[in-house]
Amino acid sequence: MSDVVRILVGVLLVVVGGIWFGQGMGWIGGSGMSGETLWAVVGPVVALVGVWLAVTGLRARRTKA
């Protein structure tokens, strides 16, 4: 996976994970996921994977330069 793609996918996962966490906590309504504890747990896990992907992508770009 290219470094840029890894960074973009990582950022996307952080955003999606944050939304899922907000829905799981009941802060974001209007969904079947709202107020469900599962999404309050899954969201941060997805966000952490996104952070990891973005950081490894950034590190790979720096070592190439």
PDB file of N, CA and C in Angstrom:
ATOM      1  N   MET A   1       0.862  -1.176   0.000  1.00  0.00           N
ATOM      2  CA  MET A   1       0.000   0.000   0.000  1.00  0.00           C
ATOM      3  C   MET A   1       0.903   1.232   0.000  1.00  0.00           C
ATOM      4  N   SER A   2       0.581   2.168  -0.871  1.00  0.00           N
ATOM      5  CA  SER A   2       1.396   3.374  -0.945  1.00  0.00           C
ATOM      6  C   SER A   2       1.247   4.200   0.340  1.00  0.00           C
ATOM      7  N   ASP A   3       2.243   5.007   0.589  1.00  0.00           N
ATOM      8  CA  ASP A   3       2.253   5.805   1.823  1.00  0.00           C
ATOM      9  C   ASP A   3       1.084   6.776   1.876  1.00  0.00           C
ATOM     10  N   VAL A   4       0.779   7.402   0.756  1.00  0.00           N
ATOM     11  CA  VAL A   4      -0.316   8.374   0.722  1.00  0.00           C
ATOM     12  C   VAL A   4      -1.647   7.675   0.973  1.00  0.00           C
ATOM     13  N   VAL A   5      -1.832   6.525   0.365  1.00  0.00           N
ATOM     14  CA  VAL A   5      -3.072   5.762   0.571  1.00  0.00           C
ATOM     15  C   VAL A   5      -3.178   5.332   2.029  1.00  0.00           C
ATOM     16  N   ARG A   6      -2.075   4.900   2.603  1.00  0.00           N
ATOM     17  CA  ARG A   6      -2.075   4.493   4.015  1.00  0.00           C
ATOM     18  C   ARG A   6      -2.470   5.659   4.917  1.00  0.00           C
ATOM     19  N   ILE A   7      -1.965   6.835   4.630  1.00  0.00           N
ATOM     20  CA  ILE A   7      -2.297   8.018   5.433  1.00  0.00           C
ATOM     21  C   ILE A   7      -3.780   8.365   5.284  1.00  0.00           C
ATOM     22  N   LEU A   8      -4.267   8.373   4.037  1.00  0.00           N
ATOM     23  CA  LEU A   8      -5.672   8.722   3.802  1.00  0.00           C
ATOM     24  C   LEU A   8      -6.629   7.710   4.435  1.00  0.00           C
ATOM     25  N   VAL A   9      -6.327   6.426   4.303  1.00  0.00           N
ATOM     26  CA  VAL A   9      -7.167   5.401   4.926  1.00  0.00           C
ATOM     27  C   VAL A   9      -7.115   5.548   6.443  1.00  0.00           C
ATOM     28  N   GLY A  10      -5.945   5.847   6.980  1.00  0.00           N
ATOM     29  CA  GLY A  10      -5.815   6.054   8.422  1.00  0.00           C
ATOM     30  C   GLY A  10      -6.662   7.205   8.918  1.00  0.00           C
ATOM     31  N   VAL A  11      -6.622   8.312   8.205  1.00  0.00           N
ATOM     32  CA  VAL A  11      -7.427   9.484   8.594  1.00  0.00           C
ATOM     33  C   VAL A  11      -8.914   9.153   8.495  1.00  0.00           C
ATOM     34  N   LEU A  12      -9.299   8.450   7.440  1.00  0.00           N
ATOM     35  CA  LEU A  12     -10.698   8.050   7.279  1.00  0.00           C
ATOM     36  C   LEU A  12     -11.152   7.156   8.432  1.00  0.00           C
ATOM     37  N   LEU A  13     -10.303   6.218   8.835  1.00  0.00           N
ATOM     38  CA  LEU A  13     -10.658   5.335   9.951  1.00  0.00           C
ATOM     39  C   LEU A  13     -10.771   6.102  11.272  1.00  0.00           C
ATOM     40  N   VAL A  14      -9.938   7.107  11.466  1.00  0.00           N
ATOM     41  CA  VAL A  14     -10.040   7.924  12.679  1.00  0.00           C
ATOM     42  C   VAL A  14     -11.380   8.649  12.708  1.00  0.00           C
ATOM     43  N   VAL A  15     -11.785   9.202  11.568  1.00  0.00           N
ATOM     44  CA  VAL A  15     -13.057   9.914  11.501  1.00  0.00           C
ATOM     45  C   VAL A  15     -14.227   8.958  11.727  1.00  0.00           C
ATOM     46  N   VAL A  16     -14.214   7.820  11.034  1.00  0.00           N
ATOM     47  CA  VAL A  16     -15.296   6.840  11.184  1.00  0.00           C
ATOM     48  C   VAL A  16     -15.348   6.310  12.621  1.00  0.00           C
ATOM     49  N   GLY A  17     -14.195   6.015  13.180  1.00  0.00           N
ATOM     50  CA  GLY A  17     -14.155   5.548  14.561  1.00  0.00           C
ATOM     51  C   GLY A  17     -14.698   6.573  15.534  1.00  0.00           C
ATOM     52  N   GLY A  18     -14.402   7.844  15.293  1.00  0.00           N
ATOM     53  CA  GLY A  18     -14.931   8.906  16.144  1.00  0.00           C
ATOM     54  C   GLY A  18     -16.442   9.025  16.042  1.00  0.00           C
ATOM     55  N   ILE A  19     -16.950   8.890  14.822  1.00  0.00           N
ATOM     56  CA  ILE A  19     -18.408   8.941  14.631  1.00  0.00           C
ATOM     57  C   ILE A  19     -19.065   7.753  15.326  1.00  0.00           C
ATOM     58  N   TRP A  20     -18.493   6.563  15.157  1.00  0.00           N
ATOM     59  CA  TRP A  20     -19.065   5.370  15.804  1.00  0.00           C
ATOM     60  C   TRP A  20     -19.036   5.502  17.320  1.00  0.00           C
ATOM     61  N   PHE A  21     -17.956   6.064  17.844  1.00  0.00           N
ATOM     62  CA  PHE A  21     -17.877   6.265  19.285  1.00  0.00           C
ATOM     63  C   PHE A  21     -18.954   7.241  19.753  1.00  0.00           C
ATOM     64  N   GLY A  22     -19.110   8.337  19.016  1.00  0.00           N
ATOM     65  CA  GLY A  22     -20.141   9.314  19.371  1.00  0.00           C
ATOM     66  C   GLY A  22     -21.537   8.724  19.315  1.00  0.00           C
ATOM     67  N   GLN A  23     -21.791   7.884  18.327  1.00  0.00           N
ATOM     68  CA  GLN A  23     -23.092   7.228  18.244  1.00  0.00           C
ATOM     69  C   GLN A  23     -23.269   6.240  19.393  1.00  0.00           C
ATOM     70  N   GLY A  24     -22.240   5.485  19.683  1.00  0.00           N
ATOM     71  CA  GLY A  24     -22.332   4.515  20.773  1.00  0.00           C
ATOM     72  C   GLY A  24     -22.565   5.170  22.119  1.00  0.00           C
ATOM     73  N   MET A  25     -22.000   6.348  22.288  1.00  0.00           N
ATOM     74  CA  MET A  25     -22.183   7.077  23.546  1.00  0.00           C
ATOM     75  C   MET A  25     -23.525   7.802  23.599  1.00  0.00           C
ATOM     76  N   GLY A  26     -24.230   7.852  22.464  1.00  0.00           N
ATOM     77  CA  GLY A  26     -25.506   8.536  22.414  1.00  0.00           C
ATOM     78  C   GLY A  26     -25.395  10.024  22.146  1.00  0.00           C
ATOM     79  N   TRP A  27     -24.193  10.495  21.787  1.00  0.00           N
ATOM     80  CA  TRP A  27     -23.988  11.914  21.504  1.00  0.00           C
ATOM     81  C   TRP A  27     -24.487  12.270  20.115  1.00  0.00           C
ATOM     82  N   ILE A  28     -24.470  11.277  19.208  1.00  0.00           N
ATOM     83  CA  ILE A  28     -24.937  11.476  17.838  1.00  0.00           C
ATOM     84  C   ILE A  28     -26.151  10.573  17.653  1.00  0.00           C
ATOM     85  N   GLY A  29     -27.307  11.165  17.448  1.00  0.00           N
ATOM     86  CA  GLY A  29     -28.534  10.388  17.331  1.00  0.00           C
ATOM     87  C   GLY A  29     -28.928  10.108  15.896  1.00  0.00           C
ATOM     88  N   GLY A  30     -30.075   9.474  15.747  1.00  0.00           N
ATOM     89  CA  GLY A  30     -30.638   9.247  14.426  1.00  0.00           C
ATOM     90  C   GLY A  30     -30.175   7.979  13.753  1.00  0.00           C
ATOM     91  N   SER A  31     -29.657   7.032  14.509  1.00  0.00           N
ATOM     92  CA  SER A  31     -29.155   5.806  13.920  1.00  0.00           C
ATOM     93  C   SER A  31     -29.469   4.635  14.838  1.00  0.00           C
ATOM     94  N   GLY A  32     -29.511   3.438  14.278  1.00  0.00           N
ATOM     95  CA  GLY A  32     -29.685   2.246  15.092  1.00  0.00           C
ATOM     96  C   GLY A  32     -28.474   1.980  15.970  1.00  0.00           C
ATOM     97  N   MET A  33     -27.367   2.646  15.649  1.00  0.00           N
ATOM     98  CA  MET A  33     -26.143   2.485  16.439  1.00  0.00           C
ATOM     99  C   MET A  33     -26.145   3.406  17.660  1.00  0.00           C
ATOM    100  N   SER A  34     -27.036   4.365  17.693  1.00  0.00           N
ATOM    101  CA  SER A  34     -27.061   5.354  18.781  1.00  0.00           C
ATOM    102  C   SER A  34     -27.393   4.697  20.107  1.00  0.00           C
ATOM    103  N   GLY A  35     -26.561   4.958  21.079  1.00  0.00           N
ATOM    104  CA  GLY A  35     -26.773   4.442  22.424  1.00  0.00           C
ATOM    105  C   GLY A  35     -26.385   2.981  22.603  1.00  0.00           C
ATOM    106  N   GLU A  36     -25.766   2.372  21.585  1.00  0.00           N
ATOM    107  CA  GLU A  36     -25.344   0.970  21.667  1.00  0.00           C
ATOM    108  C   GLU A  36     -23.896   0.903  22.155  1.00  0.00           C
ATOM    109  N   THR A  37     -23.686   0.191  23.250  1.00  0.00           N
ATOM    110  CA  THR A  37     -22.365   0.091  23.859  1.00  0.00           C
ATOM    111  C   THR A  37     -21.332  -0.508  22.914  1.00  0.00           C
ATOM    112  N   LEU A  38     -21.747  -1.431  22.074  1.00  0.00           N
ATOM    113  CA  LEU A  38     -20.819  -2.063  21.130  1.00  0.00           C
ATOM    114  C   LEU A  38     -20.054  -1.021  20.322  1.00  0.00           C
ATOM    115  N   TRP A  39     -20.751  -0.012  19.825  1.00  0.00           N
ATOM    116  CA  TRP A  39     -20.118   0.998  18.985  1.00  0.00           C
ATOM    117  C   TRP A  39     -19.249   1.950  19.796  1.00  0.00           C
ATOM    118  N   ALA A  40     -19.545   2.088  21.088  1.00  0.00           N
ATOM    119  CA  ALA A  40     -18.689   2.901  21.957  1.00  0.00           C
ATOM    120  C   ALA A  40     -17.352   2.202  22.200  1.00  0.00           C
ATOM    121  N   VAL A  41     -17.309   0.894  21.987  1.00  0.00           N
ATOM    122  CA  VAL A  41     -16.063   0.127  22.139  1.00  0.00           C
ATOM    123  C   VAL A  41     -15.362  -0.024  20.786  1.00  0.00           C
ATOM    124  N   VAL A  42     -16.128  -0.354  19.745  1.00  0.00           N
ATOM    125  CA  VAL A  42     -15.553  -0.583  18.422  1.00  0.00           C
ATOM    126  C   VAL A  42     -14.970   0.711  17.846  1.00  0.00           C
ATOM    127  N   GLY A  43     -15.631   1.824  18.065  1.00  0.00           N
ATOM    128  CA  GLY A  43     -15.186   3.101  17.517  1.00  0.00           C
ATOM    129  C   GLY A  43     -13.751   3.462  17.870  1.00  0.00           C
ATOM    130  N   PRO A  44     -13.390   3.470  19.149  1.00  0.00           N
ATOM    131  CA  PRO A  44     -12.006   3.799  19.500  1.00  0.00           C
ATOM    132  C   PRO A  44     -10.989   2.793  18.965  1.00  0.00           C
ATOM    133  N   VAL A  45     -11.376   1.529  18.866  1.00  0.00           N
ATOM    134  CA  VAL A  45     -10.464   0.529  18.307  1.00  0.00           C
ATOM    135  C   VAL A  45     -10.183   0.845  16.843  1.00  0.00           C
ATOM    136  N   VAL A  46     -11.229   1.155  16.093  1.00  0.00           N
ATOM    137  CA  VAL A  46     -11.069   1.515  14.678  1.00  0.00           C
ATOM    138  C   VAL A  46     -10.237   2.796  14.568  1.00  0.00           C
ATOM    139  N   ALA A  47     -10.491   3.760  15.424  1.00  0.00           N
ATOM    140  CA  ALA A  47      -9.730   5.012  15.399  1.00  0.00           C
ATOM    141  C   ALA A  47      -8.247   4.766  15.698  1.00  0.00           C
ATOM    142  N   LEU A  48      -7.953   3.884  16.627  1.00  0.00           N
ATOM    143  CA  LEU A  48      -6.551   3.568  16.947  1.00  0.00           C
ATOM    144  C   LEU A  48      -5.850   2.890  15.775  1.00  0.00           C
ATOM    145  N   VAL A  49      -6.545   2.009  15.089  1.00  0.00           N
ATOM    146  CA  VAL A  49      -5.975   1.390  13.886  1.00  0.00           C
ATOM    147  C   VAL A  49      -5.696   2.480  12.844  1.00  0.00           C
ATOM    148  N   GLY A  50      -6.603   3.430  12.727  1.00  0.00           N
ATOM    149  CA  GLY A  50      -6.403   4.535  11.801  1.00  0.00           C
ATOM    150  C   GLY A  50      -5.197   5.382  12.155  1.00  0.00           C
ATOM    151  N   VAL A  51      -5.023   5.659  13.432  1.00  0.00           N
ATOM    152  CA  VAL A  51      -3.853   6.429  13.879  1.00  0.00           C
ATOM    153  C   VAL A  51      -2.579   5.662  13.540  1.00  0.00           C
ATOM    154  N   TRP A  52      -2.586   4.366  13.797  1.00  0.00           N
ATOM    155  CA  TRP A  52      -1.416   3.538  13.504  1.00  0.00           C
ATOM    156  C   TRP A  52      -1.078   3.573  12.008  1.00  0.00           C
ATOM    157  N   LEU A  53      -2.110   3.416  11.166  1.00  0.00           N
ATOM    158  CA  LEU A  53      -1.886   3.454   9.720  1.00  0.00           C
ATOM    159  C   LEU A  53      -1.324   4.809   9.278  1.00  0.00           C
ATOM    160  N   ALA A  54      -1.912   5.876   9.767  1.00  0.00           N
ATOM    161  CA  ALA A  54      -1.464   7.214   9.377  1.00  0.00           C
ATOM    162  C   ALA A  54      -0.029   7.472   9.833  1.00  0.00           C
ATOM    163  N   VAL A  55       0.287   7.069  11.050  1.00  0.00           N
ATOM    164  CA  VAL A  55       1.643   7.297  11.579  1.00  0.00           C
ATOM    165  C   VAL A  55       2.666   6.478  10.807  1.00  0.00           C
ATOM    166  N   THR A  56       2.360   5.216  10.512  1.00  0.00           N
ATOM    167  CA  THR A  56       3.314   4.409   9.748  1.00  0.00           C
ATOM    168  C   THR A  56       3.470   4.954   8.325  1.00  0.00           C
ATOM    169  N   GLY A  57       2.398   5.469   7.748  1.00  0.00           N
ATOM    170  CA  GLY A  57       2.499   6.083   6.433  1.00  0.00           C
ATOM    171  C   GLY A  57       3.364   7.335   6.449  1.00  0.00           C
ATOM    172  N   LEU A  58       3.199   8.151   7.482  1.00  0.00           N
ATOM    173  CA  LEU A  58       4.020   9.362   7.601  1.00  0.00           C
ATOM    174  C   LEU A  58       5.481   9.016   7.835  1.00  0.00           C
ATOM    175  N   ARG A  59       5.731   8.019   8.656  1.00  0.00           N
ATOM    176  CA  ARG A  59       7.126   7.616   8.910  1.00  0.00           C
ATOM    177  C   ARG A  59       7.782   7.087   7.647  1.00  0.00           C
ATOM    178  N   ALA A  60       7.041   6.322   6.863  1.00  0.00           N
ATOM    179  CA  ALA A  60       7.591   5.783   5.618  1.00  0.00           C
ATOM    180  C   ALA A  60       7.923   6.904   4.644  1.00  0.00           C
ATOM    181  N   ARG A  61       7.081   7.927   4.598  1.00  0.00           N
ATOM    182  CA  ARG A  61       7.360   9.064   3.710  1.00  0.00           C
ATOM    183  C   ARG A  61       8.609   9.814   4.139  1.00  0.00           C
ATOM    184  N   ARG A  62       8.800   9.937   5.439  1.00  0.00           N
ATOM    185  CA  ARG A  62       9.978  10.678   5.946  1.00  0.00           C
ATOM    186  C   ARG A  62      11.273   9.915   5.672  1.00  0.00           C
ATOM    187  N   THR A  63      11.247   8.587   5.761  1.00  0.00           N
ATOM    188  CA  THR A  63      12.468   7.835   5.535  1.00  0.00           C
ATOM    189  C   THR A  63      12.856   7.813   4.060  1.00  0.00           C
ATOM    190  N   LYS A  64      11.890   7.998   3.159  1.00  0.00           N
ATOM    191  CA  LYS A  64      12.180   8.037   1.717  1.00  0.00           C
ATOM    192  C   LYS A  64      12.798   9.369   1.313  1.00  0.00           C
ATOM    193  N   ALA A  65      12.501  10.427   2.048  1.00  0.00           N
ATOM    194  CA  ALA A  65      12.967  11.767   1.666  1.00  0.00           C
ATOM    195  C   ALA A  65      14.419  11.985   2.008  1.00  0.00           C
TER     196      ALA A  65
END
